[in-house]
Structures are given as structure tokens and as C-alpha cells.
Amino acid sequence: MPNAHHNEALAARKNMLIGLALAAAGSIAFSGKAIIVKLAYRHGVDAVTLIMYRMLFALPLFAVMAWWASRGKPALTRRDWLGIAGLGFTGYYMASFLDFWGLQYISASLERLILYLNPTLVLLLGWALYRRRIGRMQAIAMAVSYGGVLLVFGHEVKFDGSQTLIGGALVLGSAISYAIYLLYSGEMVKRLGSLRLVGLATTVACVLCIGQFVLLRPFSAALVAPEVIGLSVINALACTAAPVLMVMMAIERIGSGLAAQTGMVGPMSTIGMGVLILGEPFNGWIVVGTVLVMSGVFLVTRFAGK
């Protein structure tokens, strides 16, 4: 019996470590998207074309994911399809496009800090739309987070002025769009399952991004530098599809709360990659701002429902 308990403890520990590793790897891989996008912009491509290529290469992966998760499940109703279309538009199309567009104007570090405000934005939207109560400690934690973003934002404004204002507004719009997705996806996740919903919603977003390019750009705009194609493939595989699967596998092993907390390595990894790969500045303002944002978001999730 002692051996059985020992083996169970070892298996649980191994499962925990695998879950933590998957959550961390998924967060780091997803954070690498901003670095890939900034590198692609150096080759003269615009946001509409760049996101089209990312979604074009990701589409087969998400379509297969949707098909796999839908096997043996009940057929979708008209209401389900409308919900999937709405969530695909807000959570993956609009959020992704505004994010890509904003990265034309601001650093990858600031972009990641703004996007990391998602849990606080979900709280604010819940209060505004459903009058859900925000606890005193959560309100304080939110103030800490926004103070951190404003610190880094104010520092960048001094150097880039209107560029930072435009980029910051676009990325904040992206974060709000994704927060709307998170707020409204709860019921559908319970009904359809997370893998099926993500697969279908992202497939919708891929079609919208490709359609946007067809409507807004001549086909000659698709003739881009080979480096852009290569970076887009990496973006689609390593920074889009893979992180979705890794985070979902992590949640199965360690739960959403611990997976979210482990995801706090995301902003730090973006800053590190921004400094090493893009040559972005690293200073005390960024360090303090990042610590404030991460501390605030941790406390917001820590005191959820209290």
C-alpha cells in the first residue's frame, strides 16, 4: 500500500509539473506573436496583409480542430452558429486585427502589458453590463495594474507622442474586444466544449481576416518578401495554434486558476524577447510598470468572488 500511495503521489507530481510546463510554454509562445509581428513590419508589410497570412496558414489547423472536437456531438443550432460568429468576430478577428495594427505604433513590451489587463477588463464589463459587484481588494488591485500600464505608456509617449497614443488605443481596443469574448463565451463553452468552440470561432475569424484582405487590398499586395511568409508560418503554428492547445492541455491538468497564474511569465518573456531580438529599450520604468501590472492582475484573480 505505501508503494501505491508513493506511486500515486509521483504521478500527481508529474502531472502537475507537465501542466505547469505546458502553461508556461503556451504563454511564452503566445507572447512571441508580438515579436514576430514587429519583425515582419521591418519588411514593409501592413497589418491587413500580415494578419491575412497568419490566418491563412492557421485556418487548416483550426478547421481540423473544429472537426475533431465536433465528432459524435449534436448538430449546431442556428443560435449556436450566431453565437460562434459573434465570438469569432470579437474574440479572434477584431481582437487580433486591432492588436496587429497597434503593434505598428508601440513596443512589444507595452502591447503585452495592455493585453495583460484582460482579467480587469472582464471585471469592469461585468460591472457595467450586469452590475456584478467588484470587491474592495479587486478595485485596489485593478488600480495598481492600470497604474503600471500608465507608467510605461507615459514613458513611451514622451518619445513617440501621437504614435504611442494611437497604438495604445488600438491595443486597448483589442483587449476590450477579447474581454467581451471572455464575458460571453462562458455559456457556450459549457454547451459546446472549449476545443469545439475555439476551433469553430477561430475558423470564423480566419475567414473574416482573409475576406478583409480580398475586400481592402489588390491581389498584388499579397506579393511580400519571403521573410514575411516564413514569419507568418511561424506565427500561425508556434504563436497561434500551438499555444491554444498547450494552454488547454495545461488547464485539464492543473485547472484554469493555476494555468492563468503561470501565464504571468508572458509579459516577462515578451520584454526579454523584445530586448534581445528587437533591440527595444529596457529600463526602470518598464520593470516597475511590469511588476505593478502583474501584481495587480494576480491580486484581481486571487480575490475573485470575494
Protein backbone atom coordinates (compact mmCIF):
# COMPACT_ATOMS: atom_id res chain seq x y z
CA MET A 1 0.00 0.00 0.00
CA PRO A 2 2.74 2.53 0.84
CA ASN A 3 4.20 1.88 -2.62
CA ALA A 4 0.80 2.51 -4.20
CA HIS A 5 0.45 5.83 -2.36
CA HIS A 6 4.01 6.75 -3.30
CA ASN A 7 3.34 5.97 -6.96
CA GLU A 8 0.11 7.99 -6.89
CA ALA A 9 1.96 10.95 -5.35
CA LEU A 10 4.69 10.69 -8.01
CA ALA A 11 2.09 10.53 -10.79
CA ALA A 12 0.25 13.56 -9.38
CA ARG A 13 3.52 15.48 -9.08
CA LYS A 14 4.49 14.57 -12.64
CA ASN A 15 1.06 15.63 -13.90
CA MET A 16 1.39 18.95 -12.05
CA LEU A 17 4.86 19.61 -13.47
CA ILE A 18 3.72 18.78 -17.01
CA GLY A 19 0.72 21.10 -16.59
CA LEU A 20 2.89 23.95 -15.32
CA ALA A 21 5.37 23.43 -18.16
CA LEU A 22 2.58 23.44 -20.75
CA ALA A 23 1.03 26.62 -19.28
CA ALA A 24 4.38 28.41 -19.23
CA ALA A 25 5.34 27.25 -22.74
CA GLY A 26 1.92 28.25 -24.10
CA SER A 27 2.15 31.71 -22.55
CA ILE A 28 5.69 32.27 -23.85
CA ALA A 29 4.79 31.01 -27.34
CA PHE A 30 1.70 33.22 -27.50
CA SER A 31 3.72 36.22 -26.30
CA GLY A 32 6.17 35.63 -29.14
CA LYS A 33 3.44 36.74 -31.59
CA ALA A 34 4.24 40.40 -30.92
CA ILE A 35 7.93 39.81 -31.66
CA ILE A 36 7.12 38.02 -34.94
CA VAL A 37 4.76 40.82 -35.99
CA LYS A 38 7.34 43.54 -35.24
CA LEU A 39 9.97 41.62 -37.25
CA ALA A 40 7.57 41.28 -40.20
CA TYR A 41 6.84 45.02 -40.20
CA ARG A 42 10.51 45.64 -40.97
CA HIS A 43 9.82 44.21 -44.46
CA GLY A 44 7.23 46.85 -45.41
CA VAL A 45 4.07 44.80 -44.95
CA ASP A 46 0.86 46.30 -43.48
CA ALA A 47 -1.49 44.94 -40.78
CA VAL A 48 -4.25 43.81 -43.19
CA THR A 49 -1.83 41.73 -45.29
CA LEU A 50 0.11 40.39 -42.33
CA ILE A 51 -2.92 39.13 -40.42
CA MET A 52 -4.30 37.61 -43.63
CA TYR A 53 -1.18 35.45 -43.97
CA ARG A 54 -1.23 34.48 -40.30
CA MET A 55 -4.87 33.35 -40.51
CA LEU A 56 -4.42 31.72 -43.94
CA PHE A 57 -1.77 29.39 -42.54
CA ALA A 58 -3.68 28.84 -39.28
CA LEU A 59 -7.03 28.09 -40.96
CA PRO A 60 -6.38 24.40 -41.79
CA LEU A 61 -5.23 23.75 -38.21
CA PHE A 62 -8.30 25.33 -36.63
CA ALA A 63 -10.66 23.71 -39.15
CA VAL A 64 -9.24 20.30 -38.24
CA MET A 65 -9.54 21.18 -34.55
CA ALA A 66 -13.21 22.10 -35.02
CA TRP A 67 -13.90 18.90 -36.99
CA TRP A 68 -12.12 16.71 -34.42
CA ALA A 69 -13.97 18.25 -31.46
CA SER A 70 -17.35 18.03 -33.27
CA ARG A 71 -17.21 14.26 -33.94
CA GLY A 72 -20.17 12.47 -32.41
CA LYS A 73 -21.57 15.71 -30.97
CA PRO A 74 -25.09 17.08 -31.58
CA ALA A 75 -25.54 19.31 -34.63
CA LEU A 76 -25.30 23.04 -34.02
CA THR A 77 -28.47 25.11 -33.92
CA ARG A 78 -28.96 28.43 -35.68
CA ARG A 79 -28.49 30.15 -32.32
CA ASP A 80 -25.21 28.28 -31.81
CA TRP A 81 -23.91 29.43 -35.21
CA LEU A 82 -24.86 33.05 -34.47
CA GLY A 83 -23.06 32.84 -31.13
CA ILE A 84 -19.97 31.30 -32.73
CA ALA A 85 -19.96 34.01 -35.43
CA GLY A 86 -20.22 36.76 -32.79
CA LEU A 87 -17.48 35.26 -30.61
CA GLY A 88 -15.25 34.65 -33.63
CA PHE A 89 -15.69 38.29 -34.65
CA THR A 90 -14.94 39.82 -31.22
CA GLY A 91 -12.52 37.31 -29.72
CA TYR A 92 -10.29 36.41 -32.63
CA TYR A 93 -10.91 38.65 -35.64
CA MET A 94 -11.34 42.12 -34.12
CA ALA A 95 -9.01 41.48 -31.17
CA SER A 96 -6.27 40.14 -33.48
CA PHE A 97 -6.60 42.83 -36.13
CA LEU A 98 -6.53 45.74 -33.64
CA ASP A 99 -3.55 44.13 -31.91
CA PHE A 100 -1.59 43.76 -35.16
CA TRP A 101 -2.46 47.31 -36.16
CA GLY A 102 -1.44 48.71 -32.79
CA LEU A 103 1.94 46.97 -32.97
CA GLN A 104 2.80 49.24 -35.89
CA TYR A 105 3.00 52.10 -33.38
CA ILE A 106 4.10 50.80 -29.95
CA SER A 107 6.70 48.47 -28.47
CA ALA A 108 6.02 44.79 -27.94
CA SER A 109 6.55 45.31 -24.19
CA LEU A 110 3.80 47.93 -23.86
CA GLU A 111 1.48 45.88 -26.09
CA ARG A 112 1.83 42.83 -23.83
CA LEU A 113 1.20 44.87 -20.66
CA ILE A 114 -2.00 46.37 -22.12
CA LEU A 115 -3.28 42.95 -23.25
CA TYR A 116 -2.49 41.54 -19.82
CA LEU A 117 -5.20 43.79 -18.37
CA ASN A 118 -7.83 41.35 -19.71
CA PRO A 119 -8.97 39.99 -16.32
CA THR A 120 -9.56 43.54 -15.05
CA LEU A 121 -11.48 44.47 -18.22
CA VAL A 122 -13.72 41.41 -17.82
CA LEU A 123 -14.46 42.59 -14.26
CA LEU A 124 -15.26 46.12 -15.43
CA LEU A 125 -17.52 44.89 -18.24
CA GLY A 126 -19.29 42.55 -15.84
CA TRP A 127 -19.94 45.50 -13.54
CA ALA A 128 -21.07 47.79 -16.38
CA LEU A 129 -23.31 45.27 -18.16
CA TYR A 130 -24.56 43.03 -15.35
CA ARG A 131 -23.94 45.12 -12.24
CA ARG A 132 -21.66 42.44 -10.86
CA ARG A 133 -20.04 43.59 -7.66
CA ILE A 134 -16.32 44.44 -7.62
CA GLY A 135 -14.73 43.82 -4.21
CA ARG A 136 -12.63 46.49 -2.49
CA MET A 137 -9.41 44.47 -2.83
CA GLN A 138 -10.14 43.82 -6.51
CA ALA A 139 -10.68 47.55 -7.08
CA ILE A 140 -7.33 48.33 -5.42
CA ALA A 141 -5.61 45.60 -7.47
CA MET A 142 -7.11 46.99 -10.68
CA ALA A 143 -5.84 50.46 -9.82
CA VAL A 144 -2.35 49.01 -9.31
CA SER A 145 -2.48 47.28 -12.72
CA TYR A 146 -3.65 50.36 -14.60
CA GLY A 147 -1.06 52.44 -12.78
CA GLY A 148 1.65 50.13 -14.12
CA VAL A 149 0.43 50.42 -17.71
CA LEU A 150 0.12 54.20 -17.43
CA LEU A 151 3.68 54.37 -16.12
CA VAL A 152 5.13 52.59 -19.17
CA PHE A 153 2.67 54.33 -21.51
CA GLY A 154 3.61 57.77 -20.17
CA HIS A 155 7.30 56.98 -20.60
CA GLU A 156 6.81 55.96 -24.26
CA VAL A 157 4.56 58.97 -25.01
CA LYS A 158 7.47 61.28 -24.16
CA PHE A 159 9.45 59.79 -27.03
CA ASP A 160 6.84 58.85 -29.66
CA GLY A 161 3.90 61.12 -28.80
CA SER A 162 0.93 60.54 -31.09
CA GLN A 163 2.32 57.19 -32.30
CA THR A 164 2.09 55.79 -28.77
CA LEU A 165 -1.40 57.28 -28.29
CA ILE A 166 -2.69 55.65 -31.49
CA GLY A 167 -1.02 52.30 -30.84
CA GLY A 168 -2.06 52.21 -27.20
CA ALA A 169 -5.69 52.96 -28.12
CA LEU A 170 -5.73 50.22 -30.77
CA VAL A 171 -4.25 47.57 -28.46
CA LEU A 172 -6.60 48.61 -25.65
CA GLY A 173 -9.45 48.16 -28.15
CA SER A 174 -8.07 44.69 -28.83
CA ALA A 175 -8.03 43.87 -25.12
CA ILE A 176 -11.62 45.12 -24.69
CA SER A 177 -12.77 43.07 -27.70
CA TYR A 178 -11.21 39.92 -26.23
CA ALA A 179 -12.69 40.70 -22.81
CA ILE A 180 -16.14 40.81 -24.46
CA TYR A 181 -15.40 37.38 -25.92
CA LEU A 182 -14.42 36.02 -22.49
CA LEU A 183 -17.53 37.52 -20.89
CA TYR A 184 -19.96 36.00 -23.36
CA SER A 185 -18.21 32.69 -24.10
CA GLY A 186 -18.91 31.10 -20.70
CA GLU A 187 -22.34 29.70 -21.56
CA MET A 188 -21.25 28.41 -24.97
CA VAL A 189 -18.13 26.74 -23.56
CA LYS A 190 -20.36 24.72 -21.20
CA ARG A 191 -22.65 23.72 -24.06
CA LEU A 192 -20.14 23.06 -26.86
CA GLY A 193 -16.87 22.39 -25.03
CA SER A 194 -13.79 24.59 -25.17
CA LEU A 195 -11.97 22.79 -28.02
CA ARG A 196 -15.02 22.81 -30.31
CA LEU A 197 -15.83 26.44 -29.58
CA VAL A 198 -12.25 27.65 -30.06
CA GLY A 199 -11.88 25.64 -33.28
CA LEU A 200 -15.11 26.99 -34.77
CA ALA A 201 -14.70 30.61 -33.57
CA THR A 202 -11.11 30.83 -34.83
CA THR A 203 -12.14 29.33 -38.16
CA VAL A 204 -14.72 32.12 -38.49
CA ALA A 205 -12.02 34.68 -37.64
CA CYS A 206 -9.64 33.23 -40.24
CA VAL A 207 -12.30 33.56 -42.95
CA LEU A 208 -13.02 37.16 -41.87
CA CYS A 209 -9.33 38.14 -41.97
CA ILE A 210 -8.85 36.62 -45.42
CA GLY A 211 -12.08 38.25 -46.64
CA GLN A 212 -10.93 41.61 -45.26
CA PHE A 213 -7.76 41.40 -47.36
CA VAL A 214 -9.73 40.49 -50.51
CA LEU A 215 -12.03 43.50 -49.99
CA LEU A 216 -9.44 46.10 -48.97
CA ARG A 217 -6.30 45.21 -50.90
CA PRO A 218 -5.42 44.39 -54.52
CA PHE A 219 -4.14 40.85 -55.01
CA SER A 220 -0.74 42.32 -55.84
CA ALA A 221 -0.44 43.25 -52.14
CA ALA A 222 -0.04 39.52 -51.42
CA LEU A 223 3.38 39.68 -53.09
CA VAL A 224 5.51 40.17 -49.99
CA ALA A 225 9.08 39.43 -49.00
CA PRO A 226 9.84 35.71 -48.43
CA GLU A 227 10.75 36.60 -44.84
CA VAL A 228 7.14 37.72 -44.23
CA ILE A 229 5.83 34.34 -45.42
CA GLY A 230 8.28 32.50 -43.18
CA LEU A 231 7.43 34.65 -40.16
CA SER A 232 3.70 34.21 -40.83
CA VAL A 233 4.07 30.42 -40.85
CA ILE A 234 5.90 30.60 -37.50
CA ASN A 235 3.20 32.94 -36.19
CA ALA A 236 0.40 30.61 -37.28
CA LEU A 237 1.99 27.43 -35.94
CA ALA A 238 4.14 28.37 -32.95
CA CYS A 239 2.36 31.52 -31.74
CA THR A 240 -1.28 30.79 -32.58
CA ALA A 241 -2.30 27.11 -32.85
CA ALA A 242 0.29 25.55 -30.54
CA PRO A 243 -0.33 27.89 -27.55
CA VAL A 244 -4.10 27.29 -27.75
CA LEU A 245 -3.56 23.54 -27.47
CA MET A 246 -0.85 23.80 -24.80
CA VAL A 247 -2.90 26.06 -22.54
CA MET A 248 -5.99 23.85 -22.91
CA MET A 249 -3.92 20.75 -22.04
CA ALA A 250 -2.48 22.63 -19.06
CA ILE A 251 -5.97 23.58 -17.81
CA GLU A 252 -7.00 19.92 -17.96
CA ARG A 253 -4.08 19.04 -15.67
CA ILE A 254 -3.82 21.95 -13.21
CA GLY A 255 -7.04 23.95 -13.57
CA SER A 256 -7.70 27.38 -15.08
CA GLY A 257 -6.65 29.37 -12.00
CA LEU A 258 -3.14 27.95 -11.72
CA ALA A 259 -2.74 27.98 -15.50
CA ALA A 260 -3.63 31.69 -15.55
CA GLN A 261 -1.14 32.47 -12.79
CA THR A 262 1.60 30.51 -14.58
CA GLY A 263 0.77 32.59 -17.67
CA MET A 264 2.23 35.58 -15.85
CA VAL A 265 5.56 34.63 -17.45
CA GLY A 266 4.08 36.01 -20.70
CA PRO A 267 4.78 39.72 -20.18
CA MET A 268 8.27 38.98 -18.87
CA SER A 269 9.09 36.79 -21.85
CA THR A 270 7.81 39.45 -24.27
CA ILE A 271 10.01 42.09 -22.65
CA GLY A 272 13.01 39.74 -22.73
CA MET A 273 12.49 38.84 -26.39
CA GLY A 274 11.84 42.50 -27.24
CA VAL A 275 15.19 43.50 -25.76
CA LEU A 276 17.20 40.58 -27.20
CA ILE A 277 15.59 40.23 -30.63
CA LEU A 278 14.14 43.66 -31.44
CA GLY A 279 16.61 45.82 -29.52
CA GLU A 280 13.81 47.51 -27.55
CA PRO A 281 14.85 49.58 -24.53
CA PHE A 282 14.95 48.02 -21.06
CA ASN A 283 14.81 50.44 -18.17
CA GLY A 284 13.45 51.02 -14.69
CA TRP A 285 10.12 52.34 -16.00
CA ILE A 286 9.39 49.06 -17.77
CA VAL A 287 10.47 46.99 -14.77
CA VAL A 288 8.30 48.93 -12.29
CA GLY A 289 5.34 49.04 -14.68
CA THR A 290 5.53 45.30 -15.33
CA VAL A 291 5.74 44.47 -11.62
CA LEU A 292 2.69 46.65 -10.93
CA VAL A 293 0.63 45.15 -13.76
CA MET A 294 1.49 41.57 -12.83
CA SER A 295 0.90 42.18 -9.12
CA GLY A 296 -2.45 43.81 -9.80
CA VAL A 297 -3.66 41.06 -12.13
CA PHE A 298 -2.52 38.37 -9.67
CA LEU A 299 -4.49 40.04 -6.87
CA VAL A 300 -7.56 40.52 -9.09
CA THR A 301 -7.65 36.76 -9.78
CA ARG A 302 -6.71 35.94 -6.18
CA PHE A 303 -9.65 37.87 -4.76
CA ALA A 304 -12.16 36.83 -7.46
CA GLY A 305 -15.58 36.38 -5.92
CA LYS A 306 -14.50 37.72 -2.51
